[in-house]
Amino acid sequence: LDAGASAVVGTLWEVDDDLASELFRRFHTHLGAGEVPAGALRAAQLEMLQTSDPRRRHPSSWSAVEVLSNL
């Protein structure tokens, strides 16, 4: 953020690569649709929460990701 980025996305702990990849794919889809980073992450997390796969629904698959923003 100090270098001029409007937002930074990171994880608070180690995450499963496959699940993180899916979460970030969904996140970027929402970003591409014009949502702000925090809103895009929230939407992607809600989509993961609503899937039928218990691994994707479990908070450990999506709750480690955070957005830091100066927006």
PDB file of N, CA and C in Angstrom:
ATOM      1  N   LEU A   1       0.831  -1.184   0.000  1.00  0.00           N
ATOM      2  CA  LEU A   1       0.000   0.000   0.000  1.00  0.00           C
ATOM      3  C   LEU A   1       0.880   1.252   0.000  1.00  0.00           C
ATOM      4  N   ASP A   2       1.987   1.198   0.737  1.00  0.00           N
ATOM      5  CA  ASP A   2       2.894   2.349   0.773  1.00  0.00           C
ATOM      6  C   ASP A   2       3.499   2.633  -0.597  1.00  0.00           C
ATOM      7  N   ALA A   3       3.601   1.603  -1.427  1.00  0.00           N
ATOM      8  CA  ALA A   3       4.191   1.765  -2.754  1.00  0.00           C
ATOM      9  C   ALA A   3       3.181   2.263  -3.781  1.00  0.00           C
ATOM     10  N   GLY A   4       1.907   2.416  -3.372  1.00  0.00           N
ATOM     11  CA  GLY A   4       0.917   2.966  -4.284  1.00  0.00           C
ATOM     12  C   GLY A   4      -0.180   2.016  -4.734  1.00  0.00           C
ATOM     13  N   ALA A   5      -0.119   0.750  -4.316  1.00  0.00           N
ATOM     14  CA  ALA A   5      -1.191  -0.180  -4.675  1.00  0.00           C
ATOM     15  C   ALA A   5      -2.472   0.240  -3.956  1.00  0.00           C
ATOM     16  N   SER A   6      -3.603   0.092  -4.622  1.00  0.00           N
ATOM     17  CA  SER A   6      -4.869   0.474  -3.986  1.00  0.00           C
ATOM     18  C   SER A   6      -5.376  -0.609  -3.044  1.00  0.00           C
ATOM     19  N   ALA A   7      -4.906  -1.843  -3.225  1.00  0.00           N
ATOM     20  CA  ALA A   7      -5.317  -2.941  -2.355  1.00  0.00           C
ATOM     21  C   ALA A   7      -4.285  -4.061  -2.432  1.00  0.00           C
ATOM     22  N   VAL A   8      -4.205  -4.820  -1.346  1.00  0.00           N
ATOM     23  CA  VAL A   8      -3.323  -5.984  -1.277  1.00  0.00           C
ATOM     24  C   VAL A   8      -4.154  -7.136  -0.744  1.00  0.00           C
ATOM     25  N   VAL A   9      -4.022  -8.299  -1.374  1.00  0.00           N
ATOM     26  CA  VAL A   9      -4.737  -9.491  -0.941  1.00  0.00           C
ATOM     27  C   VAL A   9      -3.699 -10.501  -0.463  1.00  0.00           C
ATOM     28  N   GLY A  10      -3.948 -11.089   0.682  1.00  0.00           N
ATOM     29  CA  GLY A  10      -3.022 -12.077   1.224  1.00  0.00           C
ATOM     30  C   GLY A  10      -3.751 -13.062   2.108  1.00  0.00           C
ATOM     31  N   THR A  11      -2.989 -14.038   2.594  1.00  0.00           N
ATOM     32  CA  THR A  11      -3.568 -15.030   3.491  1.00  0.00           C
ATOM     33  C   THR A  11      -2.940 -14.904   4.871  1.00  0.00           C
ATOM     34  N   LEU A  12      -3.712 -15.233   5.868  1.00  0.00           N
ATOM     35  CA  LEU A  12      -3.248 -15.164   7.246  1.00  0.00           C
ATOM     36  C   LEU A  12      -2.523 -16.438   7.672  1.00  0.00           C
ATOM     37  N   TRP A  13      -2.766 -17.536   6.962  1.00  0.00           N
ATOM     38  CA  TRP A  13      -2.092 -18.794   7.232  1.00  0.00           C
ATOM     39  C   TRP A  13      -2.039 -19.590   5.935  1.00  0.00           C
ATOM     40  N   GLU A  14      -1.300 -20.691   5.961  1.00  0.00           N
ATOM     41  CA  GLU A  14      -1.154 -21.545   4.788  1.00  0.00           C
ATOM     42  C   GLU A  14      -2.515 -22.105   4.388  1.00  0.00           C
ATOM     43  N   VAL A  15      -2.773 -22.103   3.086  1.00  0.00           N
ATOM     44  CA  VAL A  15      -4.058 -22.582   2.576  1.00  0.00           C
ATOM     45  C   VAL A  15      -3.836 -23.659   1.521  1.00  0.00           C
ATOM     46  N   ASP A  16      -4.846 -24.469   1.305  1.00  0.00           N
ATOM     47  CA  ASP A  16      -4.817 -25.502   0.276  1.00  0.00           C
ATOM     48  C   ASP A  16      -4.767 -24.833  -1.094  1.00  0.00           C
ATOM     49  N   ASP A  17      -3.820 -25.231  -1.924  1.00  0.00           N
ATOM     50  CA  ASP A  17      -3.642 -24.594  -3.232  1.00  0.00           C
ATOM     51  C   ASP A  17      -4.874 -24.696  -4.126  1.00  0.00           C
ATOM     52  N   ASP A  18      -5.493 -25.869  -4.166  1.00  0.00           N
ATOM     53  CA  ASP A  18      -6.656 -26.050  -5.039  1.00  0.00           C
ATOM     54  C   ASP A  18      -7.835 -25.188  -4.599  1.00  0.00           C
ATOM     55  N   LEU A  19      -8.076 -25.154  -3.298  1.00  0.00           N
ATOM     56  CA  LEU A  19      -9.188 -24.351  -2.793  1.00  0.00           C
ATOM     57  C   LEU A  19      -8.904 -22.861  -2.940  1.00  0.00           C
ATOM     58  N   ALA A  20      -7.670 -22.460  -2.677  1.00  0.00           N
ATOM     59  CA  ALA A  20      -7.302 -21.053  -2.839  1.00  0.00           C
ATOM     60  C   ALA A  20      -7.412 -20.634  -4.299  1.00  0.00           C
ATOM     61  N   SER A  21      -7.010 -21.518  -5.198  1.00  0.00           N
ATOM     62  CA  SER A  21      -7.110 -21.218  -6.625  1.00  0.00           C
ATOM     63  C   SER A  21      -8.558 -20.960  -7.024  1.00  0.00           C
ATOM     64  N   GLU A  22      -9.449 -21.792  -6.524  1.00  0.00           N
ATOM     65  CA  GLU A  22     -10.870 -21.592  -6.839  1.00  0.00           C
ATOM     66  C   GLU A  22     -11.391 -20.282  -6.246  1.00  0.00           C
ATOM     67  N   LEU A  23     -11.027 -20.010  -4.998  1.00  0.00           N
ATOM     68  CA  LEU A  23     -11.463 -18.774  -4.371  1.00  0.00           C
ATOM     69  C   LEU A  23     -10.963 -17.571  -5.155  1.00  0.00           C
ATOM     70  N   PHE A  24      -9.684 -17.567  -5.555  1.00  0.00           N
ATOM     71  CA  PHE A  24      -9.134 -16.435  -6.280  1.00  0.00           C
ATOM     72  C   PHE A  24      -9.696 -16.313  -7.696  1.00  0.00           C
ATOM     73  N   ARG A  25     -10.057 -17.427  -8.304  1.00  0.00           N
ATOM     74  CA  ARG A  25     -10.728 -17.360  -9.617  1.00  0.00           C
ATOM     75  C   ARG A  25     -12.064 -16.638  -9.465  1.00  0.00           C
ATOM     76  N   ARG A  26     -12.810 -17.008  -8.454  1.00  0.00           N
ATOM     77  CA  ARG A  26     -14.097 -16.361  -8.195  1.00  0.00           C
ATOM     78  C   ARG A  26     -13.898 -14.882  -7.841  1.00  0.00           C
ATOM     79  N   PHE A  27     -12.886 -14.607  -7.020  1.00  0.00           N
ATOM     80  CA  PHE A  27     -12.554 -13.237  -6.630  1.00  0.00           C
ATOM     81  C   PHE A  27     -12.269 -12.383  -7.862  1.00  0.00           C
ATOM     82  N   HIS A  28     -11.434 -12.888  -8.769  1.00  0.00           N
ATOM     83  CA  HIS A  28     -11.089 -12.113  -9.962  1.00  0.00           C
ATOM     84  C   HIS A  28     -12.274 -11.949 -10.912  1.00  0.00           C
ATOM     85  N   THR A  29     -13.180 -12.910 -10.927  1.00  0.00           N
ATOM     86  CA  THR A  29     -14.396 -12.759 -11.725  1.00  0.00           C
ATOM     87  C   THR A  29     -15.197 -11.558 -11.218  1.00  0.00           C
ATOM     88  N   HIS A  30     -15.318 -11.431  -9.915  1.00  0.00           N
ATOM     89  CA  HIS A  30     -16.057 -10.302  -9.338  1.00  0.00           C
ATOM     90  C   HIS A  30     -15.312  -8.987  -9.537  1.00  0.00           C
ATOM     91  N   LEU A  31     -13.991  -9.016  -9.418  1.00  0.00           N
ATOM     92  CA  LEU A  31     -13.215  -7.805  -9.695  1.00  0.00           C
ATOM     93  C   LEU A  31     -13.435  -7.349 -11.131  1.00  0.00           C
ATOM     94  N   GLY A  32     -13.406  -8.303 -12.057  1.00  0.00           N
ATOM     95  CA  GLY A  32     -13.615  -7.996 -13.470  1.00  0.00           C
ATOM     96  C   GLY A  32     -14.992  -7.428 -13.758  1.00  0.00           C
ATOM     97  N   ALA A  33     -15.942  -7.732 -12.879  1.00  0.00           N
ATOM     98  CA  ALA A  33     -17.302  -7.218 -13.036  1.00  0.00           C
ATOM     99  C   ALA A  33     -17.454  -5.831 -12.420  1.00  0.00           C
ATOM    100  N   GLY A  34     -16.343  -5.299 -11.870  1.00  0.00           N
ATOM    101  CA  GLY A  34     -16.374  -3.936 -11.360  1.00  0.00           C
ATOM    102  C   GLY A  34     -16.526  -3.784  -9.857  1.00  0.00           C
ATOM    103  N   GLU A  35     -16.541  -4.885  -9.127  1.00  0.00           N
ATOM    104  CA  GLU A  35     -16.676  -4.774  -7.675  1.00  0.00           C
ATOM    105  C   GLU A  35     -15.357  -4.298  -7.061  1.00  0.00           C
ATOM    106  N   VAL A  36     -15.441  -3.624  -5.924  1.00  0.00           N
ATOM    107  CA  VAL A  36     -14.239  -3.226  -5.192  1.00  0.00           C
ATOM    108  C   VAL A  36     -13.631  -4.492  -4.583  1.00  0.00           C
ATOM    109  N   PRO A  37     -12.327  -4.490  -4.284  1.00  0.00           N
ATOM    110  CA  PRO A  37     -11.678  -5.715  -3.798  1.00  0.00           C
ATOM    111  C   PRO A  37     -12.353  -6.368  -2.590  1.00  0.00           C
ATOM    112  N   ALA A  38     -12.718  -5.600  -1.583  1.00  0.00           N
ATOM    113  CA  ALA A  38     -13.352  -6.196  -0.403  1.00  0.00           C
ATOM    114  C   ALA A  38     -14.692  -6.833  -0.762  1.00  0.00           C
ATOM    115  N   GLY A  39     -15.463  -6.187  -1.615  1.00  0.00           N
ATOM    116  CA  GLY A  39     -16.745  -6.740  -2.051  1.00  0.00           C
ATOM    117  C   GLY A  39     -16.568  -7.976  -2.901  1.00  0.00           C
ATOM    118  N   ALA A  40     -15.543  -7.974  -3.748  1.00  0.00           N
ATOM    119  CA  ALA A  40     -15.262  -9.133  -4.596  1.00  0.00           C
ATOM    120  C   ALA A  40     -14.863 -10.329  -3.743  1.00  0.00           C
ATOM    121  N   LEU A  41     -14.058 -10.088  -2.713  1.00  0.00           N
ATOM    122  CA  LEU A  41     -13.659 -11.183  -1.830  1.00  0.00           C
ATOM    123  C   LEU A  41     -14.868 -11.714  -1.067  1.00  0.00           C
ATOM    124  N   ARG A  42     -15.691 -10.830  -0.567  1.00  0.00           N
ATOM    125  CA  ARG A  42     -16.888 -11.258   0.163  1.00  0.00           C
ATOM    126  C   ARG A  42     -17.790 -12.112  -0.723  1.00  0.00           C
ATOM    127  N   ALA A  43     -18.000 -11.664  -1.946  1.00  0.00           N
ATOM    128  CA  ALA A  43     -18.847 -12.426  -2.871  1.00  0.00           C
ATOM    129  C   ALA A  43     -18.249 -13.801  -3.163  1.00  0.00           C
ATOM    130  N   ALA A  44     -16.937 -13.859  -3.366  1.00  0.00           N
ATOM    131  CA  ALA A  44     -16.277 -15.136  -3.634  1.00  0.00           C
ATOM    132  C   ALA A  44     -16.379 -16.060  -2.419  1.00  0.00           C
ATOM    133  N   GLN A  45     -16.202 -15.515  -1.232  1.00  0.00           N
ATOM    134  CA  GLN A  45     -16.323 -16.319  -0.019  1.00  0.00           C
ATOM    135  C   GLN A  45     -17.747 -16.840   0.153  1.00  0.00           C
ATOM    136  N   LEU A  46     -18.732 -16.007  -0.109  1.00  0.00           N
ATOM    137  CA  LEU A  46     -20.123 -16.458  -0.005  1.00  0.00           C
ATOM    138  C   LEU A  46     -20.421 -17.562  -1.016  1.00  0.00           C
ATOM    139  N   GLU A  47     -19.858 -17.462  -2.211  1.00  0.00           N
ATOM    140  CA  GLU A  47     -20.049 -18.521  -3.203  1.00  0.00           C
ATOM    141  C   GLU A  47     -19.443 -19.830  -2.710  1.00  0.00           C
ATOM    142  N   MET A  48     -18.261 -19.757  -2.114  1.00  0.00           N
ATOM    143  CA  MET A  48     -17.634 -20.971  -1.582  1.00  0.00           C
ATOM    144  C   MET A  48     -18.502 -21.559  -0.469  1.00  0.00           C
ATOM    145  N   LEU A  49     -19.039 -20.705   0.374  1.00  0.00           N
ATOM    146  CA  LEU A  49     -19.877 -21.137   1.489  1.00  0.00           C
ATOM    147  C   LEU A  49     -21.151 -21.826   1.008  1.00  0.00           C
ATOM    148  N   GLN A  50     -21.629 -21.461  -0.167  1.00  0.00           N
ATOM    149  CA  GLN A  50     -22.893 -21.991  -0.677  1.00  0.00           C
ATOM    150  C   GLN A  50     -22.744 -23.205  -1.588  1.00  0.00           C
ATOM    151  N   THR A  51     -21.514 -23.696  -1.781  1.00  0.00           N
ATOM    152  CA  THR A  51     -21.333 -24.875  -2.633  1.00  0.00           C
ATOM    153  C   THR A  51     -21.790 -26.135  -1.902  1.00  0.00           C
ATOM    154  N   SER A  52     -21.961 -27.195  -2.647  1.00  0.00           N
ATOM    155  CA  SER A  52     -22.390 -28.459  -2.030  1.00  0.00           C
ATOM    156  C   SER A  52     -21.201 -29.258  -1.494  1.00  0.00           C
ATOM    157  N   ASP A  53     -19.992 -28.890  -1.864  1.00  0.00           N
ATOM    158  CA  ASP A  53     -18.793 -29.599  -1.426  1.00  0.00           C
ATOM    159  C   ASP A  53     -18.400 -29.139  -0.013  1.00  0.00           C
ATOM    160  N   PRO A  54     -18.383 -30.051   0.955  1.00  0.00           N
ATOM    161  CA  PRO A  54     -18.047 -29.667   2.333  1.00  0.00           C
ATOM    162  C   PRO A  54     -16.656 -29.037   2.472  1.00  0.00           C
ATOM    163  N   ARG A  55     -15.702 -29.464   1.650  1.00  0.00           N
ATOM    164  CA  ARG A  55     -14.359 -28.875   1.720  1.00  0.00           C
ATOM    165  C   ARG A  55     -14.390 -27.406   1.333  1.00  0.00           C
ATOM    166  N   ARG A  56     -15.180 -27.064   0.330  1.00  0.00           N
ATOM    167  CA  ARG A  56     -15.262 -25.675  -0.118  1.00  0.00           C
ATOM    168  C   ARG A  56     -16.092 -24.825   0.849  1.00  0.00           C
ATOM    169  N   ARG A  57     -17.075 -25.436   1.463  1.00  0.00           N
ATOM    170  CA  ARG A  57     -17.932 -24.715   2.415  1.00  0.00           C
ATOM    171  C   ARG A  57     -17.219 -24.406   3.719  1.00  0.00           C
ATOM    172  N   HIS A  58     -16.305 -25.260   4.109  1.00  0.00           N
ATOM    173  CA  HIS A  58     -15.661 -25.092   5.412  1.00  0.00           C
ATOM    174  C   HIS A  58     -14.865 -23.785   5.449  1.00  0.00           C
ATOM    175  N   PRO A  59     -15.015 -23.009   6.522  1.00  0.00           N
ATOM    176  CA  PRO A  59     -14.323 -21.717   6.608  1.00  0.00           C
ATOM    177  C   PRO A  59     -12.817 -21.784   6.431  1.00  0.00           C
ATOM    178  N   SER A  60     -12.199 -22.911   6.753  1.00  0.00           N
ATOM    179  CA  SER A  60     -10.750 -22.989   6.585  1.00  0.00           C
ATOM    180  C   SER A  60     -10.329 -22.888   5.122  1.00  0.00           C
ATOM    181  N   SER A  61     -11.266 -23.113   4.200  1.00  0.00           N
ATOM    182  CA  SER A  61     -10.920 -23.034   2.778  1.00  0.00           C
ATOM    183  C   SER A  61     -10.963 -21.615   2.242  1.00  0.00           C
ATOM    184  N   TRP A  62     -11.567 -20.675   2.976  1.00  0.00           N
ATOM    185  CA  TRP A  62     -11.691 -19.310   2.448  1.00  0.00           C
ATOM    186  C   TRP A  62     -11.474 -18.202   3.477  1.00  0.00           C
ATOM    187  N   SER A  63     -11.467 -18.519   4.761  1.00  0.00           N
ATOM    188  CA  SER A  63     -11.396 -17.452   5.763  1.00  0.00           C
ATOM    189  C   SER A  63      -9.997 -16.891   5.996  1.00  0.00           C
ATOM    190  N   ALA A  64      -8.962 -17.541   5.500  1.00  0.00           N
ATOM    191  CA  ALA A  64      -7.594 -17.053   5.700  1.00  0.00           C
ATOM    192  C   ALA A  64      -7.275 -15.852   4.808  1.00  0.00           C
ATOM    193  N   VAL A  65      -8.086 -15.613   3.796  1.00  0.00           N
ATOM    194  CA  VAL A  65      -7.804 -14.549   2.816  1.00  0.00           C
ATOM    195  C   VAL A  65      -8.360 -13.218   3.314  1.00  0.00           C
ATOM    196  N   GLU A  66      -7.542 -12.173   3.191  1.00  0.00           N
ATOM    197  CA  GLU A  66      -7.982 -10.843   3.590  1.00  0.00           C
ATOM    198  C   GLU A  66      -7.562  -9.808   2.556  1.00  0.00           C
ATOM    199  N   VAL A  67      -8.292  -8.719   2.536  1.00  0.00           N
ATOM    200  CA  VAL A  67      -7.981  -7.584   1.655  1.00  0.00           C
ATOM    201  C   VAL A  67      -7.611  -6.393   2.529  1.00  0.00           C
ATOM    202  N   LEU A  68      -6.474  -5.807   2.242  1.00  0.00           N
ATOM    203  CA  LEU A  68      -6.085  -4.553   2.862  1.00  0.00           C
ATOM    204  C   LEU A  68      -6.221  -3.497   1.779  1.00  0.00           C
ATOM    205  N   SER A  69      -6.920  -2.439   2.088  1.00  0.00           N
ATOM    206  CA  SER A  69      -7.220  -1.461   1.052  1.00  0.00           C
ATOM    207  C   SER A  69      -7.158  -0.046   1.611  1.00  0.00           C
ATOM    208  N   ASN A  70      -6.809   0.890   0.737  1.00  0.00           N
ATOM    209  CA  ASN A  70      -6.878   2.285   1.130  1.00  0.00           C
ATOM    210  C   ASN A  70      -8.034   2.990   0.420  1.00  0.00           C
ATOM    211  N   LEU A  71      -8.968   2.186  -0.111  1.00  0.00           N
ATOM    212  CA  LEU A  71     -10.149   2.748  -0.783  1.00  0.00           C
ATOM    213  C   LEU A  71     -11.186   3.167   0.224  1.00  0.00           C
TER     214      LEU A  71
END
